[in-house]
Amino acid sequence: MTVQLAIKMVRTGYLSGKRAEAYKNLQSILTLLEEMGFAPDTFSFSDEPNHPLYHKQFPSPVYDNHFLTTEGQLLLYFLREKKPAYEFYPGFVSEKLGYNSLSIDFKDVSKAQVAELFEVASAIAQVTRPLFGGLGFPWEAETAEAEAFNRMLNTDSLELFKNGPDSVAIRTWFGPAFAAQLDPAALEKLGLVVRRTDWSGLEVDLAEVPWAVPFERLAEQKAAFNRYLNSLGLLGDYSRTLLRTPGRNWQAVQAFG
């Protein structure tokens, strides 16, 4: 049996510096994936099939040269076909880009590999240092609650920056300015597992071993966590697609650099 697993990091700055710096930051993630046996097979600098750098073998000196010497904004993604397969969108490579996000969607993940991918996610968070990030996977339960469990993974960076997150995830990351508004002791009283990161953020799990906990328990913990954030005015209202509104205190955390 396999599960799907998705990692989403929002409002990251790791690709917005000088091109050599951006290359180094992304390379650290690619090296991590390789060391853990999850290296990508191909890369693309376009989603157009007729582009000369569409689905080319990775690694490649052509990739290195294009990344380091091409001016302007770059669209880049990586694919892996071997199990676990994935699509990895690191975000736009563009100096001083204000809004950005990273996503990596794994498929055909065996249950034995899930714990490893939680490690990968934490290492990616250390590189990207996001305003907000989350990790989750779908559930077999055919309920509205199960379908909505990982909805935060669909929040794009611009919407989140304007309105705040709409939910937490199985594992959630908060950047320094966001984390400064949270009380770790209050989170622990809810039964959440709180870790301080070495980049002054917080990593919060819904349970001690979240991938081994029944869905119903995680759903209870997520609801309690969301209520806490909502009480602080830090959750946006995404219930109406065309009229999304920010949390009442989200303005206080819109100064992310």
Protein backbone atom coordinates (compact mmCIF):
# COMPACT_ATOMS: atom_id res chain seq x y z
CA MET A 1 0.00 0.00 0.00
CA THR A 2 1.25 3.47 -0.81
CA VAL A 3 0.31 6.97 0.20
CA GLN A 4 0.72 10.35 -1.41
CA LEU A 5 2.61 12.99 0.51
CA ALA A 6 2.93 16.70 -0.22
CA ILE A 7 5.24 19.37 1.18
CA LYS A 8 4.37 23.05 0.75
CA MET A 9 6.53 26.01 1.78
CA VAL A 10 5.10 29.50 1.30
CA ARG A 11 6.76 32.91 1.05
CA THR A 12 10.35 31.71 0.95
CA GLY A 13 13.33 33.92 0.11
CA TYR A 14 15.91 31.30 -0.73
CA LEU A 15 15.74 31.90 -4.51
CA SER A 16 15.47 35.69 -4.40
CA GLY A 17 19.14 36.56 -3.81
CA LYS A 18 22.01 36.75 -6.28
CA ARG A 19 21.96 33.96 -8.84
CA ALA A 20 24.98 32.15 -7.37
CA GLU A 21 23.40 32.28 -3.91
CA ALA A 22 20.07 30.98 -5.22
CA TYR A 23 21.88 28.16 -7.04
CA LYS A 24 23.70 27.17 -3.84
CA ASN A 25 20.50 27.18 -1.77
CA LEU A 26 18.58 25.04 -4.25
CA GLN A 27 21.57 22.74 -4.68
CA SER A 28 21.52 22.00 -0.96
CA ILE A 29 17.96 20.65 -1.33
CA LEU A 30 18.86 18.63 -4.42
CA THR A 31 21.90 17.19 -2.63
CA LEU A 32 19.71 16.23 0.32
CA LEU A 33 17.26 14.44 -1.96
CA GLU A 34 20.13 12.60 -3.64
CA GLU A 35 21.73 11.56 -0.34
CA MET A 36 18.42 10.11 0.84
CA GLY A 37 17.93 8.19 -2.41
CA PHE A 38 15.31 10.54 -3.86
CA ALA A 39 17.27 12.31 -6.60
CA PRO A 40 15.27 13.73 -9.54
CA ASP A 41 15.51 12.18 -12.99
CA THR A 42 14.83 15.22 -15.16
CA PHE A 43 14.62 19.02 -15.04
CA SER A 44 12.76 21.62 -17.08
CA PHE A 45 13.11 25.36 -17.49
CA SER A 46 9.74 25.56 -19.20
CA ASP A 47 6.37 23.83 -19.27
CA GLU A 48 6.37 24.02 -23.08
CA PRO A 49 7.33 20.67 -24.71
CA ASN A 50 9.12 22.42 -27.59
CA HIS A 51 11.48 24.30 -25.24
CA PRO A 52 15.12 23.15 -25.65
CA LEU A 53 15.38 22.54 -21.89
CA TYR A 54 12.16 20.60 -21.37
CA HIS A 55 12.46 17.32 -19.44
CA LYS A 56 16.21 16.93 -19.76
CA GLN A 57 18.28 14.44 -17.82
CA PHE A 58 19.48 15.57 -14.40
CA PRO A 59 22.18 16.25 -13.31
CA SER A 60 23.58 18.09 -16.30
CA PRO A 61 26.14 20.85 -16.94
CA VAL A 62 23.48 22.41 -19.19
CA TYR A 63 21.29 22.90 -16.12
CA ASP A 64 24.15 24.47 -14.17
CA ASN A 65 25.07 26.84 -16.98
CA HIS A 66 21.50 27.94 -17.73
CA PHE A 67 20.72 28.53 -14.06
CA LEU A 68 23.85 30.56 -13.37
CA THR A 69 24.08 32.63 -16.56
CA THR A 70 20.50 33.29 -17.70
CA GLU A 71 19.22 36.70 -16.65
CA GLY A 72 15.68 37.46 -15.53
CA GLN A 73 13.11 35.22 -13.91
CA LEU A 74 13.42 31.46 -14.31
CA LEU A 75 10.64 28.88 -14.20
CA LEU A 76 12.11 25.59 -13.05
CA TYR A 77 10.86 22.19 -11.95
CA PHE A 78 12.15 18.67 -11.45
CA LEU A 79 10.56 15.27 -11.99
CA ARG A 80 11.29 11.85 -10.59
CA GLU A 81 9.75 8.78 -12.21
CA LYS A 82 11.27 6.09 -10.00
CA LYS A 83 9.35 5.30 -6.81
CA PRO A 84 8.70 7.42 -4.90
CA ALA A 85 7.86 9.60 -7.88
CA TYR A 86 7.47 13.35 -7.44
CA GLU A 87 7.04 16.74 -9.03
CA PHE A 88 9.23 19.38 -7.41
CA TYR A 89 8.51 23.07 -8.03
CA PRO A 90 11.15 25.06 -6.11
CA GLY A 91 9.55 28.44 -6.89
CA PHE A 92 10.58 31.21 -9.26
CA VAL A 93 14.25 32.05 -9.43
CA SER A 94 14.28 35.84 -9.47
CA GLU A 95 16.36 38.36 -7.56
CA LYS A 96 14.38 40.33 -4.96
CA LEU A 97 11.14 38.50 -5.77
CA GLY A 98 8.70 39.37 -3.01
CA TYR A 99 6.32 36.40 -3.29
CA ASN A 100 7.40 32.83 -3.77
CA SER A 101 6.50 29.30 -2.79
CA LEU A 102 7.91 25.80 -2.99
CA SER A 103 5.99 22.58 -3.42
CA ILE A 104 7.03 18.98 -3.78
CA ASP A 105 4.38 16.32 -4.34
CA PHE A 106 5.45 12.73 -3.76
CA LYS A 107 3.50 9.75 -5.08
CA ASP A 108 3.88 6.00 -4.64
CA VAL A 109 5.41 6.45 -1.20
CA SER A 110 5.53 3.25 0.81
CA LYS A 111 4.52 3.43 4.44
CA ALA A 112 8.11 2.60 5.37
CA GLN A 113 9.32 5.76 3.58
CA VAL A 114 6.94 8.25 5.20
CA ALA A 115 9.17 8.91 8.23
CA GLU A 116 12.10 9.65 5.90
CA LEU A 117 10.06 12.18 3.98
CA PHE A 118 9.17 13.98 7.20
CA GLU A 119 12.95 14.33 7.68
CA VAL A 120 13.29 15.64 4.13
CA ALA A 121 10.54 18.18 4.77
CA SER A 122 12.23 19.52 7.91
CA ALA A 123 15.54 19.85 6.08
CA ILE A 124 13.82 21.73 3.24
CA ALA A 125 12.27 24.08 5.78
CA GLN A 126 15.72 24.77 7.19
CA VAL A 127 16.92 25.85 3.74
CA THR A 128 13.84 27.82 2.67
CA ARG A 129 12.95 29.36 6.05
CA PRO A 130 9.34 29.96 5.05
CA LEU A 131 6.77 32.32 6.46
CA PHE A 132 4.52 29.26 6.66
CA GLY A 133 4.86 25.69 5.53
CA GLY A 134 3.06 22.42 5.91
CA LEU A 135 3.23 18.72 5.18
CA GLY A 136 0.37 16.33 4.69
CA PHE A 137 -1.02 13.32 2.89
CA PRO A 138 -4.53 12.29 1.84
CA TRP A 139 -6.69 9.90 3.78
CA GLU A 140 -8.83 6.96 2.77
CA ALA A 141 -11.84 8.20 4.75
CA GLU A 142 -14.43 9.50 2.27
CA THR A 143 -15.67 12.42 4.34
CA ALA A 144 -15.66 16.16 3.78
CA GLU A 145 -13.32 16.50 6.74
CA ALA A 146 -10.84 14.06 5.23
CA GLU A 147 -10.95 15.82 1.87
CA ALA A 148 -10.33 19.19 3.51
CA PHE A 149 -7.62 18.00 5.88
CA ASN A 150 -4.72 19.26 3.77
CA ARG A 151 -6.39 22.29 2.25
CA MET A 152 -3.58 24.59 3.41
CA LEU A 153 -1.43 22.93 0.78
CA ASN A 154 -3.55 24.71 -1.85
CA THR A 155 -2.96 28.21 -0.45
CA ASP A 156 -0.67 30.13 -2.78
CA SER A 157 1.93 32.54 -1.44
CA LEU A 158 0.17 35.74 -2.49
CA GLU A 159 -3.13 34.72 -0.90
CA LEU A 160 -1.41 33.64 2.28
CA PHE A 161 0.61 36.85 2.50
CA LYS A 162 -2.62 38.87 2.12
CA ASN A 163 -4.96 36.84 4.30
CA GLY A 164 -2.97 34.46 6.46
CA PRO A 165 -3.20 30.66 6.40
CA ASP A 166 -6.59 28.96 6.45
CA SER A 167 -5.42 25.91 8.38
CA VAL A 168 -2.48 24.06 9.86
CA ALA A 169 -1.20 20.72 8.55
CA ILE A 170 0.08 17.45 9.99
CA ARG A 171 3.46 19.14 10.42
CA THR A 172 3.50 22.93 10.23
CA TRP A 173 6.34 25.46 10.13
CA PHE A 174 6.11 29.08 11.24
CA GLY A 175 8.73 31.65 10.31
CA PRO A 176 10.31 33.85 13.03
CA ALA A 177 7.84 36.77 12.93
CA PHE A 178 4.85 34.41 12.87
CA ALA A 179 6.33 32.16 15.57
CA ALA A 180 6.93 35.17 17.83
CA GLN A 181 3.16 35.58 18.16
CA LEU A 182 2.60 32.01 19.34
CA ASP A 183 2.96 30.62 22.85
CA PRO A 184 4.78 27.25 22.70
CA ALA A 185 3.53 26.35 26.18
CA ALA A 186 -0.08 26.90 25.09
CA LEU A 187 0.51 24.70 22.05
CA GLU A 188 1.97 21.93 24.18
CA LYS A 189 -1.06 22.07 26.47
CA LEU A 190 -3.13 21.20 23.40
CA GLY A 191 -1.10 18.01 23.03
CA LEU A 192 0.93 19.35 20.11
CA VAL A 193 4.63 18.59 19.68
CA VAL A 194 6.58 21.85 19.42
CA ARG A 195 10.21 22.18 18.30
CA ARG A 196 12.21 25.38 18.02
CA THR A 197 14.26 25.50 14.83
CA ASP A 198 17.79 26.85 14.49
CA TRP A 199 16.37 29.49 12.11
CA SER A 200 14.23 30.97 14.92
CA GLY A 201 11.00 29.41 13.71
CA LEU A 202 8.72 26.73 15.11
CA GLU A 203 7.99 23.22 13.82
CA VAL A 204 4.74 21.83 15.19
CA ASP A 205 3.38 18.29 14.79
CA LEU A 206 -0.17 17.27 15.58
CA ALA A 207 1.14 14.20 17.43
CA GLU A 208 4.42 12.61 18.53
CA VAL A 209 4.53 10.24 15.54
CA PRO A 210 1.95 11.87 13.27
CA TRP A 211 2.15 9.36 10.43
CA ALA A 212 1.20 6.55 12.83
CA VAL A 213 -1.81 8.24 14.46
CA PRO A 214 -5.42 7.55 13.37
CA PHE A 215 -7.02 10.20 11.21
CA GLU A 216 -9.71 10.95 13.79
CA ARG A 217 -7.12 11.90 16.42
CA LEU A 218 -5.19 14.10 14.00
CA ALA A 219 -8.42 15.79 12.93
CA GLU A 220 -9.19 16.60 16.59
CA GLN A 221 -5.70 18.02 17.11
CA LYS A 222 -5.85 20.05 13.92
CA ALA A 223 -9.20 21.53 14.93
CA ALA A 224 -7.82 22.52 18.34
CA PHE A 225 -4.72 24.07 16.74
CA ASN A 226 -6.85 26.01 14.27
CA ARG A 227 -9.06 27.29 17.08
CA TYR A 228 -5.98 28.56 18.90
CA LEU A 229 -4.69 30.42 15.83
CA ASN A 230 -8.16 31.76 15.11
CA SER A 231 -8.40 33.09 18.68
CA LEU A 232 -5.26 35.10 17.93
CA GLY A 233 -6.76 36.43 14.69
CA LEU A 234 -4.12 34.72 12.55
CA LEU A 235 -6.29 32.52 10.31
CA GLY A 236 -7.77 33.86 7.10
CA ASP A 237 -11.32 33.12 5.98
CA TYR A 238 -11.22 31.17 2.70
CA SER A 239 -14.80 29.92 2.81
CA ARG A 240 -15.84 32.17 -0.10
CA THR A 241 -13.64 31.82 -3.17
CA LEU A 242 -14.20 35.36 -4.45
CA LEU A 243 -14.28 37.07 -1.06
CA ARG A 244 -11.44 35.78 1.06
CA THR A 245 -10.68 37.87 4.13
CA PRO A 246 -7.62 38.14 6.39
CA GLY A 247 -7.51 37.23 10.05
CA ARG A 248 -8.18 40.30 12.16
CA ASN A 249 -4.55 40.45 13.38
CA TRP A 250 -2.81 39.19 10.25
CA GLN A 251 -1.66 42.72 9.41
CA ALA A 252 0.83 42.41 12.26
CA VAL A 253 2.80 39.75 10.38
CA GLN A 254 2.82 41.24 6.88
CA ALA A 255 6.29 42.75 7.25
CA PHE A 256 8.14 39.61 6.24
CA GLY A 257 11.30 40.37 4.29
